[in-house]
C-alpha atoms as a PDB file:
ATOM      1  CA  MET A   1     -27.362 249.590 -52.550  1.00  0.00           C
ATOM      2  CA  SER A   2     -26.988 250.964 -56.028  1.00  0.00           C
ATOM      3  CA  HIS A   3     -25.497 247.734 -57.448  1.00  0.00           C
ATOM      4  CA  PRO A   4     -26.822 244.680 -55.590  1.00  0.00           C
ATOM      5  CA  LEU A   5     -25.163 242.315 -58.083  1.00  0.00           C
ATOM      6  CA  PHE A   6     -21.789 243.713 -57.038  1.00  0.00           C
ATOM      7  CA  ILE A   7     -22.148 242.655 -53.388  1.00  0.00           C
ATOM      8  CA  VAL A   8     -21.084 239.005 -53.716  1.00  0.00           C
ATOM      9  CA  PRO A   9     -18.081 239.718 -55.980  1.00  0.00           C
ATOM     10  CA  THR A  10     -17.016 242.489 -53.577  1.00  0.00           C
ATOM     11  CA  ILE A  11     -17.134 240.147 -50.595  1.00  0.00           C
ATOM     12  CA  ARG A  12     -15.200 237.469 -52.491  1.00  0.00           C
ATOM     13  CA  ALA A  13     -12.657 240.057 -53.671  1.00  0.00           C
ATOM     14  CA  THR A  14     -12.185 241.185 -50.081  1.00  0.00           C
ATOM     15  CA  LYS A  15     -11.618 237.660 -48.778  1.00  0.00           C
ATOM     16  CA  ASP A  16      -9.270 236.801 -51.639  1.00  0.00           C
ATOM     17  CA  CYS A  17      -7.348 240.030 -51.141  1.00  0.00           C
ATOM     18  CA  ILE A  18      -6.687 239.227 -47.488  1.00  0.00           C
ATOM     19  CA  ARG A  19      -5.622 235.670 -48.343  1.00  0.00           C
ATOM     20  CA  ILE A  20      -3.314 236.748 -51.182  1.00  0.00           C
ATOM     21  CA  SER A  21      -1.788 239.497 -49.050  1.00  0.00           C
ATOM     22  CA  ALA A  22      -1.151 237.085 -46.179  1.00  0.00           C
ATOM     23  CA  ASP A  23       0.293 234.471 -48.548  1.00  0.00           C
ATOM     24  CA  ASN A  24       2.752 237.021 -49.923  1.00  0.00           C
ATOM     25  CA  TYR A  25       3.517 239.196 -46.894  1.00  0.00           C
ATOM     26  CA  GLY A  26       2.335 237.400 -43.775  1.00  0.00           C
ATOM     27  CA  ARG A  27       1.016 239.841 -41.180  1.00  0.00           C
ATOM     28  CA  LEU A  28       3.040 242.753 -42.586  1.00  0.00           C
ATOM     29  CA  HIS A  29       0.062 243.781 -44.712  1.00  0.00           C
ATOM     30  CA  HIS A  30      -1.667 244.893 -41.492  1.00  0.00           C
ATOM     31  CA  GLU A  31       1.045 247.507 -40.836  1.00  0.00           C
ATOM     32  CA  ASN A  32       1.465 250.842 -42.655  1.00  0.00           C
ATOM     33  CA  GLY A  33       4.331 249.658 -44.836  1.00  0.00           C
ATOM     34  CA  PRO A  34       4.722 248.579 -48.468  1.00  0.00           C
ATOM     35  CA  ALA A  35       2.778 245.331 -47.894  1.00  0.00           C
ATOM     36  CA  ASN A  36      -0.209 247.410 -46.776  1.00  0.00           C
ATOM     37  CA  ALA A  37       0.046 249.445 -49.977  1.00  0.00           C
ATOM     38  CA  PHE A  38      -0.059 246.172 -51.923  1.00  0.00           C
ATOM     39  CA  ARG A  39      -3.180 245.056 -50.044  1.00  0.00           C
ATOM     40  CA  HIS A  40      -5.075 248.290 -50.599  1.00  0.00           C
ATOM     41  CA  ALA A  41      -4.265 248.420 -54.302  1.00  0.00           C
ATOM     42  CA  LEU A  42      -5.075 244.741 -54.776  1.00  0.00           C
ATOM     43  CA  TRP A  43      -8.394 245.134 -52.959  1.00  0.00           C
ATOM     44  CA  ASN A  44      -9.502 247.933 -55.260  1.00  0.00           C
ATOM     45  CA  TYR A  45      -8.257 246.112 -58.332  1.00  0.00           C
ATOM     46  CA  LEU A  46     -10.043 242.862 -57.378  1.00  0.00           C
ATOM     47  CA  ILE A  47     -13.337 244.594 -56.604  1.00  0.00           C
ATOM     48  CA  ALA A  48     -13.271 246.322 -59.990  1.00  0.00           C
ATOM     49  CA  LYS A  49     -12.134 243.202 -61.865  1.00  0.00           C
ATOM     50  CA  ARG A  50     -14.716 240.910 -60.279  1.00  0.00           C
ATOM     51  CA  CYS A  51     -17.562 243.391 -60.745  1.00  0.00           C
ATOM     52  CA  PHE A  52     -16.461 244.009 -64.344  1.00  0.00           C
ATOM     53  CA  ARG A  53     -17.356 240.380 -65.084  1.00  0.00           C
ATOM     54  CA  ILE A  54     -20.955 241.281 -64.240  1.00  0.00           C
ATOM     55  CA  ARG A  55     -21.134 244.732 -65.785  1.00  0.00           C
ATOM     56  CA  HIS A  56     -18.665 245.565 -68.542  1.00  0.00           C
ATOM     57  CA  ASP A  57     -18.536 249.250 -67.702  1.00  0.00           C
ATOM     58  CA  LYS A  58     -15.166 250.382 -66.333  1.00  0.00           C
ATOM     59  CA  ASP A  59     -16.488 253.669 -64.952  1.00  0.00           C
ATOM     60  CA  SER A  60     -19.318 251.953 -63.101  1.00  0.00           C
ATOM     61  CA  VAL A  61     -17.140 249.304 -61.439  1.00  0.00           C
ATOM     62  CA  LEU A  62     -14.431 251.819 -60.573  1.00  0.00           C
ATOM     63  CA  GLN A  63     -16.992 254.124 -58.958  1.00  0.00           C
ATOM     64  CA  TRP A  64     -18.301 251.142 -56.978  1.00  0.00           C
ATOM     65  CA  ALA A  65     -14.793 250.157 -55.827  1.00  0.00           C
ATOM     66  CA  GLU A  66     -14.124 253.734 -54.765  1.00  0.00           C
ATOM     67  CA  LYS A  67     -17.441 253.993 -52.928  1.00  0.00           C
ATOM     68  CA  ILE A  68     -16.868 250.763 -50.990  1.00  0.00           C
ATOM     69  CA  THR A  69     -13.243 251.417 -50.088  1.00  0.00           C
ATOM     70  CA  ASP A  70     -13.833 255.095 -49.238  1.00  0.00           C
ATOM     71  CA  TRP A  71     -16.650 253.993 -46.918  1.00  0.00           C
ATOM     72  CA  HIS A  72     -14.224 251.589 -45.240  1.00  0.00           C
ATOM     73  CA  GLU A  73     -11.628 254.328 -44.701  1.00  0.00           C
ATOM     74  CA  HIS A  74     -14.210 256.683 -43.196  1.00  0.00           C
ATOM     75  CA  ALA A  75     -15.819 253.986 -41.036  1.00  0.00           C
ATOM     76  CA  PHE A  76     -12.735 252.984 -39.077  1.00  0.00           C
ATOM     77  CA  PRO A  77     -10.478 255.211 -36.986  1.00  0.00           C
ATOM     78  CA  ASN A  78      -7.006 255.871 -38.333  1.00  0.00           C
ATOM     79  CA  THR A  79      -4.447 258.654 -38.212  1.00  0.00           C
ATOM     80  CA  GLU A  80      -4.722 261.328 -40.877  1.00  0.00           C
ATOM     81  CA  LEU A  81      -1.481 260.258 -42.562  1.00  0.00           C
ATOM     82  CA  ALA A  82      -2.523 256.592 -42.591  1.00  0.00           C
ATOM     83  CA  LYS A  83      -5.873 257.542 -44.155  1.00  0.00           C
ATOM     84  CA  THR A  84      -4.084 259.601 -46.777  1.00  0.00           C
ATOM     85  CA  MET A  85      -1.859 256.624 -47.531  1.00  0.00           C
ATOM     86  CA  ASP A  86      -4.814 254.241 -47.791  1.00  0.00           C
ATOM     87  CA  PHE A  87      -6.852 256.537 -50.054  1.00  0.00           C
ATOM     88  CA  HIS A  88      -3.814 257.003 -52.284  1.00  0.00           C
ATOM     89  CA  ASN A  89      -3.027 253.284 -52.601  1.00  0.00           C
ATOM     90  CA  ASN A  90      -6.699 252.515 -53.195  1.00  0.00           C
ATOM     91  CA  ALA A  91      -6.638 254.961 -56.113  1.00  0.00           C
ATOM     92  CA  VAL A  92      -3.472 253.347 -57.500  1.00  0.00           C
ATOM     93  CA  GLY A  93      -5.249 249.979 -57.500  1.00  0.00           C
ATOM     94  CA  ARG A  94      -8.170 251.440 -59.438  1.00  0.00           C
ATOM     95  CA  LEU A  95      -5.747 253.033 -61.898  1.00  0.00           C
ATOM     96  CA  VAL A  96      -4.062 249.665 -62.414  1.00  0.00           C
ATOM     97  CA  PHE A  97      -7.452 248.147 -63.265  1.00  0.00           C
ATOM     98  CA  ARG A  98      -8.363 251.035 -65.588  1.00  0.00           C
ATOM     99  CA  GLU A  99      -5.126 250.567 -67.515  1.00  0.00           C
ATOM    100  CA  ASN A 100      -5.107 246.739 -67.471  1.00  0.00           C
ATOM    101  CA  PRO A 101      -8.639 245.306 -67.505  1.00  0.00           C
ATOM    102  CA  GLU A 102      -7.614 242.500 -69.861  1.00  0.00           C
ATOM    103  CA  LYS A 103      -4.743 241.161 -67.726  1.00  0.00           C
ATOM    104  CA  THR A 104      -5.227 238.153 -65.501  1.00  0.00           C
ATOM    105  CA  GLU A 105      -5.340 238.485 -61.747  1.00  0.00           C
ATOM    106  CA  SER A 106      -2.051 236.563 -61.540  1.00  0.00           C
ATOM    107  CA  GLU A 107      -0.374 239.035 -63.879  1.00  0.00           C
ATOM    108  CA  ILE A 108      -1.658 241.939 -61.809  1.00  0.00           C
ATOM    109  CA  ILE A 109      -0.501 240.368 -58.550  1.00  0.00           C
ATOM    110  CA  GLU A 110       3.012 240.163 -59.986  1.00  0.00           C
ATOM    111  CA  LEU A 111       2.775 243.774 -61.191  1.00  0.00           C
ATOM    112  CA  LEU A 112       1.622 244.944 -57.758  1.00  0.00           C
ATOM    113  CA  LYS A 113       4.379 242.968 -56.042  1.00  0.00           C
ATOM    114  CA  SER A 114       6.951 244.727 -58.231  1.00  0.00           C
ATOM    115  CA  MET A 115       5.354 248.075 -57.364  1.00  0.00           C
ATOM    116  CA  THR A 116       5.621 247.165 -53.673  1.00  0.00           C
ATOM    117  CA  LEU A 117       9.390 246.903 -54.006  1.00  0.00           C
ATOM    118  CA  VAL A 118       9.615 250.580 -54.981  1.00  0.00           C
ATOM    119  CA  SER A 119       6.952 251.972 -52.656  1.00  0.00           C
ATOM    120  CA  VAL A 120       7.812 255.488 -51.492  1.00  0.00           C
ATOM    121  CA  LYS A 121       7.990 256.312 -47.794  1.00  0.00           C
ATOM    122  CA  ILE A 122       6.056 259.491 -47.018  1.00  0.00           C
ATOM    123  CA  ASP A 123       5.508 261.856 -44.130  1.00  0.00           C
ATOM    124  CA  SER A 124       3.050 264.689 -43.572  1.00  0.00           C
ATOM    125  CA  ASN A 125       5.150 267.035 -45.730  1.00  0.00           C
ATOM    126  CA  THR A 126       5.245 264.797 -48.799  1.00  0.00           C
ATOM    127  CA  LYS A 127       3.636 266.201 -51.939  1.00  0.00           C
ATOM    128  CA  LEU A 128       1.609 263.323 -53.375  1.00  0.00           C
ATOM    129  CA  ALA A 129       0.861 264.908 -56.759  1.00  0.00           C
ATOM    130  CA  SER A 130       4.016 263.440 -58.288  1.00  0.00           C
ATOM    131  CA  LEU A 131       3.351 259.957 -56.852  1.00  0.00           C
ATOM    132  CA  LYS A 132      -0.064 259.220 -58.403  1.00  0.00           C
ATOM    133  CA  THR A 133       1.080 255.963 -60.006  1.00  0.00           C
ATOM    134  CA  GLN A 134       3.257 254.730 -57.146  1.00  0.00           C
ATOM    135  CA  PHE A 135       2.572 252.989 -53.877  1.00  0.00           C
ATOM    136  CA  ILE A 136       3.264 254.958 -50.739  1.00  0.00           C
ATOM    137  CA  HIS A 137       3.870 253.848 -47.163  1.00  0.00           C
ATOM    138  CA  ILE A 138       4.599 255.305 -43.729  1.00  0.00           C
ATOM    139  CA  LEU A 139       6.599 252.557 -42.001  1.00  0.00           C
ATOM    140  CA  ASP A 140       9.619 250.681 -43.276  1.00  0.00           C
ATOM    141  CA  GLN A 141       9.317 246.921 -42.987  1.00  0.00           C
END
């Protein structure tokens, strides 16, 4: 592990992300819809935010969040389109942290919830280059 001090905040961020997602969306966050986009972005944001408290280096904590969440996506089977969606929404969460490190977690949760409302449904033909700052999903909920 390249950052052993990041392990505990990452675990706590993961648990809190699941709880917050369930509180706001019930079990919908387990599907490939907008609630899932919220969960993936929040997870990346929380990992970065919590690790930033330990090491005030945005690049370092964002690289860590990407490493952890990329590992997760590679470790578990998923369809290609679902993986694409997850990687994209993970990146949006890291972007939200990069642009808003000073905001509270509550403020970011509200921001992410508003982004969920305008999540874009994609298919395998969708060009993602123009959607870099938006949530994407596969299933309508």
